[in-house]
């Protein structure tokens, strides 16, 4: 797991847009342990379909990693965080030249 993800510019906008209260709660759960989509849904009191969509977005942003494991009733989609800190740079420092 990476310690920190630093995002700027358009990437920062994409990450901020994806970080709904639900996705933040998912990240908090996954920071403690690996969970499958159904367990995340149970703990948050939300449908698997909704959690699956949130997980897909978080995976696209590389904030979580998904592995597939054989379960008692088919394949389980196991999720874990890839970072424990996200830093958003709003204004990047630019070099100024006089002249």
N, C-alpha and C. Protein backbone atom coordinates (compact mmCIF):
# COMPACT_ATOMS: atom_id res chain seq x y z
N UNK A 1 0.85 -1.18 0.00
CA UNK A 1 0.00 0.00 0.00
C UNK A 1 0.88 1.23 0.00
N UNK A 2 0.55 2.17 -0.84
CA UNK A 2 1.24 3.45 -0.90
C UNK A 2 0.83 4.29 0.31
N UNK A 3 1.74 5.06 0.80
CA UNK A 3 1.41 5.91 1.94
C UNK A 3 0.51 7.08 1.55
N UNK A 4 0.79 7.68 0.38
CA UNK A 4 0.09 8.91 0.04
C UNK A 4 -0.12 9.01 -1.46
N UNK A 5 -1.26 9.56 -1.85
CA UNK A 5 -1.53 9.91 -3.24
C UNK A 5 -1.62 11.42 -3.29
N UNK A 6 -0.85 12.03 -4.19
CA UNK A 6 -0.88 13.48 -4.36
C UNK A 6 -1.51 13.76 -5.72
N UNK A 7 -2.54 14.60 -5.74
CA UNK A 7 -3.23 14.90 -6.99
C UNK A 7 -3.29 16.41 -7.20
N UNK A 8 -3.18 16.81 -8.45
CA UNK A 8 -3.25 18.22 -8.84
C UNK A 8 -4.10 18.33 -10.10
N UNK A 9 -4.44 19.54 -10.45
CA UNK A 9 -5.12 19.82 -11.71
C UNK A 9 -6.38 19.02 -11.93
N UNK A 10 -6.54 18.51 -13.17
CA UNK A 10 -7.75 17.76 -13.53
C UNK A 10 -7.89 16.48 -12.72
N UNK A 11 -6.76 15.86 -12.38
CA UNK A 11 -6.82 14.65 -11.56
C UNK A 11 -7.44 14.96 -10.19
N UNK A 12 -7.08 16.10 -9.62
CA UNK A 12 -7.65 16.51 -8.33
C UNK A 12 -9.16 16.69 -8.44
N UNK A 13 -9.61 17.30 -9.52
CA UNK A 13 -11.04 17.51 -9.73
C UNK A 13 -11.76 16.16 -9.81
N UNK A 14 -11.19 15.22 -10.54
CA UNK A 14 -11.79 13.90 -10.68
C UNK A 14 -11.87 13.18 -9.34
N UNK A 15 -10.80 13.25 -8.56
CA UNK A 15 -10.78 12.58 -7.25
C UNK A 15 -11.79 13.21 -6.31
N UNK A 16 -11.80 14.53 -6.24
CA UNK A 16 -12.74 15.22 -5.35
C UNK A 16 -14.18 14.89 -5.74
N UNK A 17 -14.46 14.87 -7.03
CA UNK A 17 -15.80 14.56 -7.51
C UNK A 17 -16.23 13.15 -7.09
N UNK A 18 -15.28 12.22 -7.08
CA UNK A 18 -15.58 10.82 -6.74
C UNK A 18 -15.73 10.59 -5.24
N UNK A 19 -15.18 11.48 -4.43
CA UNK A 19 -15.18 11.26 -2.98
C UNK A 19 -16.47 11.74 -2.32
N UNK A 20 -17.53 11.00 -2.58
CA UNK A 20 -18.80 11.25 -1.91
C UNK A 20 -18.69 10.78 -0.47
N UNK A 21 -19.68 11.07 0.33
CA UNK A 21 -19.63 10.60 1.71
C UNK A 21 -19.61 9.07 1.76
N UNK A 22 -20.32 8.43 0.83
CA UNK A 22 -20.31 6.96 0.80
C UNK A 22 -18.94 6.42 0.45
N UNK A 23 -18.30 6.99 -0.56
CA UNK A 23 -16.98 6.47 -0.93
C UNK A 23 -15.95 6.72 0.17
N UNK A 24 -16.08 7.82 0.88
CA UNK A 24 -15.18 8.06 2.02
C UNK A 24 -15.43 7.02 3.12
N UNK A 25 -16.68 6.70 3.36
CA UNK A 25 -16.99 5.67 4.36
C UNK A 25 -16.45 4.31 3.92
N UNK A 26 -16.51 4.02 2.63
CA UNK A 26 -15.94 2.77 2.11
C UNK A 26 -14.44 2.75 2.35
N UNK A 27 -13.76 3.85 2.03
CA UNK A 27 -12.31 3.92 2.25
C UNK A 27 -11.96 3.74 3.72
N UNK A 28 -12.76 4.33 4.60
CA UNK A 28 -12.51 4.18 6.03
C UNK A 28 -12.66 2.73 6.47
N UNK A 29 -13.69 2.05 5.99
CA UNK A 29 -13.86 0.63 6.31
C UNK A 29 -12.68 -0.19 5.81
N UNK A 30 -12.28 0.08 4.57
CA UNK A 30 -11.22 -0.71 3.96
C UNK A 30 -9.84 -0.39 4.53
N UNK A 31 -9.72 0.74 5.21
CA UNK A 31 -8.43 1.05 5.84
C UNK A 31 -8.18 0.13 7.03
N UNK A 32 -9.24 -0.49 7.53
CA UNK A 32 -9.13 -1.39 8.69
C UNK A 32 -8.98 -2.85 8.28
N UNK A 33 -9.64 -3.23 7.16
CA UNK A 33 -9.61 -4.63 6.73
C UNK A 33 -10.11 -4.77 5.30
N UNK A 34 -9.71 -5.88 4.66
CA UNK A 34 -10.23 -6.21 3.33
C UNK A 34 -11.67 -6.68 3.50
N UNK A 35 -12.54 -6.23 2.61
CA UNK A 35 -13.95 -6.63 2.65
C UNK A 35 -14.45 -6.88 1.24
N UNK A 36 -15.45 -7.75 1.13
CA UNK A 36 -16.08 -7.90 -0.17
C UNK A 36 -17.25 -6.92 -0.28
N UNK A 37 -17.77 -6.80 -1.48
CA UNK A 37 -18.80 -5.80 -1.77
C UNK A 37 -20.04 -6.02 -0.89
N UNK A 38 -20.43 -7.27 -0.69
CA UNK A 38 -21.63 -7.52 0.12
C UNK A 38 -21.42 -7.13 1.58
N UNK A 39 -20.22 -7.37 2.12
CA UNK A 39 -19.93 -6.97 3.50
C UNK A 39 -19.93 -5.45 3.64
N UNK A 40 -19.38 -4.76 2.65
CA UNK A 40 -19.39 -3.29 2.68
C UNK A 40 -20.83 -2.80 2.70
N UNK A 41 -21.66 -3.37 1.82
CA UNK A 41 -23.07 -3.00 1.76
C UNK A 41 -23.79 -3.24 3.07
N UNK A 42 -23.52 -4.39 3.69
CA UNK A 42 -24.14 -4.70 4.99
C UNK A 42 -23.75 -3.69 6.05
N UNK A 43 -22.47 -3.39 6.12
CA UNK A 43 -21.99 -2.48 7.17
C UNK A 43 -22.50 -1.06 6.99
N UNK A 44 -22.68 -0.65 5.73
CA UNK A 44 -23.15 0.71 5.47
C UNK A 44 -24.66 0.79 5.30
N UNK A 45 -25.32 -0.36 5.25
CA UNK A 45 -26.77 -0.38 5.07
C UNK A 45 -27.19 0.06 3.68
N UNK A 46 -26.38 -0.28 2.68
CA UNK A 46 -26.66 0.12 1.30
C UNK A 46 -26.66 -1.10 0.38
N UNK A 47 -27.27 -0.97 -0.79
CA UNK A 47 -27.39 -2.10 -1.71
C UNK A 47 -26.04 -2.46 -2.32
N UNK A 48 -25.91 -3.75 -2.68
CA UNK A 48 -24.69 -4.21 -3.34
C UNK A 48 -24.49 -3.50 -4.68
N UNK A 49 -25.57 -3.23 -5.39
CA UNK A 49 -25.47 -2.56 -6.69
C UNK A 49 -24.85 -1.18 -6.53
N UNK A 50 -25.31 -0.43 -5.53
CA UNK A 50 -24.77 0.91 -5.29
C UNK A 50 -23.31 0.84 -4.85
N UNK A 51 -23.00 -0.09 -3.95
CA UNK A 51 -21.62 -0.26 -3.48
C UNK A 51 -20.72 -0.66 -4.64
N UNK A 52 -21.19 -1.55 -5.51
CA UNK A 52 -20.40 -1.97 -6.67
C UNK A 52 -20.02 -0.80 -7.55
N UNK A 53 -20.95 0.11 -7.75
CA UNK A 53 -20.67 1.31 -8.57
C UNK A 53 -19.62 2.18 -7.89
N UNK A 54 -19.75 2.39 -6.59
CA UNK A 54 -18.77 3.20 -5.85
C UNK A 54 -17.39 2.53 -5.88
N UNK A 55 -17.36 1.22 -5.71
CA UNK A 55 -16.10 0.47 -5.75
C UNK A 55 -15.45 0.60 -7.12
N UNK A 56 -16.25 0.51 -8.18
CA UNK A 56 -15.72 0.65 -9.54
C UNK A 56 -15.03 2.01 -9.72
N UNK A 57 -15.68 3.07 -9.25
CA UNK A 57 -15.09 4.42 -9.37
C UNK A 57 -13.81 4.54 -8.56
N UNK A 58 -13.81 4.01 -7.34
CA UNK A 58 -12.61 4.07 -6.50
C UNK A 58 -11.47 3.26 -7.11
N UNK A 59 -11.81 2.14 -7.73
CA UNK A 59 -10.79 1.32 -8.38
C UNK A 59 -10.21 2.04 -9.60
N UNK A 60 -11.06 2.69 -10.40
CA UNK A 60 -10.58 3.45 -11.56
C UNK A 60 -9.60 4.53 -11.15
N UNK A 61 -9.82 5.13 -9.99
CA UNK A 61 -8.95 6.19 -9.49
C UNK A 61 -7.73 5.64 -8.75
N UNK A 62 -7.64 4.31 -8.68
CA UNK A 62 -6.52 3.64 -8.01
C UNK A 62 -6.48 3.92 -6.51
N UNK A 63 -7.63 4.21 -5.92
CA UNK A 63 -7.72 4.41 -4.48
C UNK A 63 -7.95 3.09 -3.75
N UNK A 64 -8.47 2.10 -4.48
CA UNK A 64 -8.61 0.76 -3.92
C UNK A 64 -8.15 -0.26 -4.96
N UNK A 65 -7.86 -1.46 -4.48
CA UNK A 65 -7.52 -2.57 -5.36
C UNK A 65 -8.57 -3.65 -5.14
N UNK A 66 -8.96 -4.31 -6.22
CA UNK A 66 -9.96 -5.37 -6.15
C UNK A 66 -9.32 -6.68 -6.60
N UNK A 67 -9.51 -7.71 -5.80
CA UNK A 67 -9.07 -9.07 -6.15
C UNK A 67 -10.30 -9.96 -6.10
N UNK A 68 -10.29 -10.99 -6.93
CA UNK A 68 -11.41 -11.92 -6.96
C UNK A 68 -10.99 -13.23 -6.29
N UNK A 69 -11.84 -13.71 -5.38
CA UNK A 69 -11.56 -14.94 -4.64
C UNK A 69 -12.78 -15.84 -4.69
N UNK A 70 -12.52 -17.13 -4.67
CA UNK A 70 -13.62 -18.09 -4.64
C UNK A 70 -14.30 -18.04 -3.28
N UNK A 71 -15.59 -17.94 -3.28
CA UNK A 71 -16.38 -17.92 -2.05
C UNK A 71 -17.28 -19.13 -1.96
N UNK A 72 -18.07 -19.22 -0.92
CA UNK A 72 -18.97 -20.36 -0.76
C UNK A 72 -20.10 -20.34 -1.79
N UNK A 73 -20.46 -19.15 -2.26
CA UNK A 73 -21.52 -19.03 -3.27
C UNK A 73 -21.04 -18.27 -4.49
N UNK A 74 -19.92 -18.67 -5.05
CA UNK A 74 -19.41 -18.02 -6.26
C UNK A 74 -18.15 -17.23 -5.98
N UNK A 75 -17.91 -16.24 -6.81
CA UNK A 75 -16.71 -15.41 -6.72
C UNK A 75 -16.99 -14.19 -5.86
N UNK A 76 -16.07 -13.90 -4.96
CA UNK A 76 -16.18 -12.72 -4.09
C UNK A 76 -15.24 -11.63 -4.61
N UNK A 77 -15.74 -10.42 -4.65
CA UNK A 77 -14.96 -9.26 -5.08
C UNK A 77 -14.38 -8.61 -3.82
N UNK A 78 -13.10 -8.92 -3.51
CA UNK A 78 -12.45 -8.44 -2.30
C UNK A 78 -11.78 -7.09 -2.57
N UNK A 79 -11.99 -6.14 -1.67
CA UNK A 79 -11.50 -4.78 -1.86
C UNK A 79 -10.54 -4.41 -0.73
N UNK A 80 -9.53 -3.62 -1.07
CA UNK A 80 -8.63 -3.07 -0.06
C UNK A 80 -8.11 -1.73 -0.54
N UNK A 81 -7.76 -0.87 0.41
CA UNK A 81 -7.25 0.46 0.04
C UNK A 81 -5.85 0.34 -0.52
N UNK A 82 -5.49 1.28 -1.37
CA UNK A 82 -4.13 1.34 -1.90
C UNK A 82 -3.35 2.51 -1.32
N UNK A 83 -4.06 3.45 -0.69
CA UNK A 83 -3.42 4.61 -0.06
C UNK A 83 -4.07 4.85 1.30
N UNK A 84 -3.34 5.51 2.18
CA UNK A 84 -3.96 5.88 3.45
C UNK A 84 -4.04 7.39 3.62
N UNK A 85 -3.59 8.11 2.59
CA UNK A 85 -3.64 9.57 2.65
C UNK A 85 -3.76 10.11 1.23
N UNK A 86 -4.65 11.09 1.05
CA UNK A 86 -4.81 11.75 -0.25
C UNK A 86 -4.54 13.23 -0.03
N UNK A 87 -3.57 13.77 -0.75
CA UNK A 87 -3.26 15.19 -0.68
C UNK A 87 -3.69 15.84 -1.99
N UNK A 88 -4.49 16.88 -1.87
CA UNK A 88 -4.98 17.59 -3.05
C UNK A 88 -4.29 18.94 -3.11
N UNK A 89 -3.55 19.16 -4.18
CA UNK A 89 -2.85 20.43 -4.39
C UNK A 89 -3.78 21.32 -5.21
N UNK A 90 -4.23 22.40 -4.60
CA UNK A 90 -5.16 23.30 -5.29
C UNK A 90 -4.42 24.23 -6.23
N UNK A 91 -3.33 24.79 -5.75
CA UNK A 91 -2.55 25.71 -6.57
C UNK A 91 -1.11 25.22 -6.60
N UNK A 92 -0.63 24.95 -7.80
CA UNK A 92 0.75 24.50 -7.91
C UNK A 92 1.66 25.71 -7.98
N UNK A 93 2.83 25.55 -7.42
CA UNK A 93 3.83 26.62 -7.45
C UNK A 93 4.43 26.69 -8.85
N UNK A 94 4.49 27.89 -9.39
CA UNK A 94 5.11 28.08 -10.70
C UNK A 94 6.34 28.96 -10.53
N UNK A 95 7.28 28.75 -11.41
CA UNK A 95 8.49 29.54 -11.37
C UNK A 95 8.24 30.85 -12.08
N UNK A 96 8.57 31.95 -11.42
CA UNK A 96 8.40 33.27 -12.02
C UNK A 96 9.75 33.77 -12.48
N UNK A 97 9.75 34.39 -13.62
CA UNK A 97 10.98 35.02 -14.10
C UNK A 97 10.74 36.51 -14.24
N UNK A 98 11.72 37.29 -13.89
CA UNK A 98 11.62 38.74 -14.04
C UNK A 98 12.23 39.12 -15.37
N UNK A 99 11.60 40.03 -16.02
CA UNK A 99 12.24 40.50 -17.24
C UNK A 99 11.35 40.92 -18.28
